[in-house]
Amino acid sequence: INAEYGEKMSQQNIPIGGIESKGPPRLDNFTEDSQLQISKDGMELSYGGYNYGTARANVKLHVGKWYYEVTIKSGGSARVGWATDKFVPESKYVGIGNDENSWAYDGSRKTKSFNDKSGDGSKAYGEYWTTNDVIGCILDLDTRKISYTKNGKDMGVAFTGVKGASGISPAASVYRNTKLSFNFGPNFVHLPKYCTSINYSLNDAQRKSLNELFEKYQAIGTKLSESGESGDLIKGGGVLQLGQDIGSKGDDDPVLLILAWKLRAEVVWEFSRDEFVTGFAIQGVYSMSDLKKKVVEWKNDIKNDKDQFRSFYNFIFEYLKDPKATALEKEEALMAWGMLNLTSIWKLWPKWEEFLKKSPTKSVPRDTWQMLLTFIDQIGENVSSYDPMDCWPIIIDEFCEYVNSKQ
């Protein structure tokens, strides 16, 4: 599931906050279709032709869980969803969902479409929509899933295994006499839990507040550094002070890792100004008071939601390892697992720690890191149910042999 995510993180080519944006989000007539009608603010879409007209938003999303809303203003025959920049309609009869680079839900037919080249391969999904219904479009790039809501009601996962190495954008195809209104945030009618607004624009007061907050901790880091220079970064003592101020209780507290995850930080224990300001804007954080509340919320999220925990868990591997490496040093892996408090969710953690310390292996590859969490979910402490014929990493095979030999 996370192979593409891991590859991109290791190359460190993900934009700040996981989003590429050319100004405030809006719809673009990227096919230059003269019949496609987009309002001046880029938020309403209709079509004057007899078939499909397609628009795509001017943003590309790379990691994270994103959301936007579409209101059915009139008509109703349309497809709403997502597309990569490789999606180009081959004809006026083609809308999103007709190729492998786009995903769509059509509430006028109660169907979903992906790679439907023939035009008749759509599958039943969701509910019928009608005028004034609000359709929520959810893209989770950490779990590679797309889902939809109708008037706040979850209609379930529509697509899995979603791929888009170059980024994925909101997109829609509308039929004649259909009019849609788009809302890219931040003020939604129905914002699902864990989702993020695509629109993270700041007013002057918010921008000033975040920059002043950044400069406070930047100055602390500069003052405590040996050279007295830190660049446009929060480093060293500034990072430690920030952690303490938001509730870190010591070296084993994962709060700074949680912060790095939410800001999509690239360099270990450093935050650039862009990461800090843009990342907090995306998260709806504009002050220290906001941040303290969010930290409590984020801690509860990873404690109570498996997808959130897995997203955080996989981020940690990419964040802590050397950018040029494909594996994490064993000592760092053990430290990170300790900070994640695996002992609270897996009774075999002490044996795993004991086994790894005795093992001659010097590092933990990405597949071992990711598959360990799957192993905990599927096998847990009942190693007797483990099947050596399943495709587990060798070190997990060896661990099960080790546990059985001790019994």
Foldseek 3Di string as FASTA:
>chain_A
DCPLVLVCLLLVPQDFQQKDADPFKAKDQVQPDPQWDADPVRFKTAGADAAKGKIWIRMFGGAFKAKKKKAWAWDQFKWWAKFAPPDDDPDRNDDAQCQQGGKTARLCVQWIHHVNVVVPPTDHFDHHDDHGWMKMWMAHNLQQWIFMAIQQHTRDTDDGPHDHSPGMTIMMMYGHGTMMGMGQDDDDSHDDPRHWGPGLDDDPLLLVQQVVLQVVLLQQQLVPDPVSDDPQKRADPSLVVLCVLLPDPDDLACLSLLVCLQLVPNAPRMDGSSSRSVSCSRVVHRHSVSSSVVSVVLVVCLVPPVSSVLSSQLSVQSHQDDSVDQWRFPVVVLSVVSSVVVVVQAVCVVLVVVLSVPDPDGTGGSQLSNVVVVCCVPCGHPLVPDDPVDDHPPVVVVSSVVVVVVD
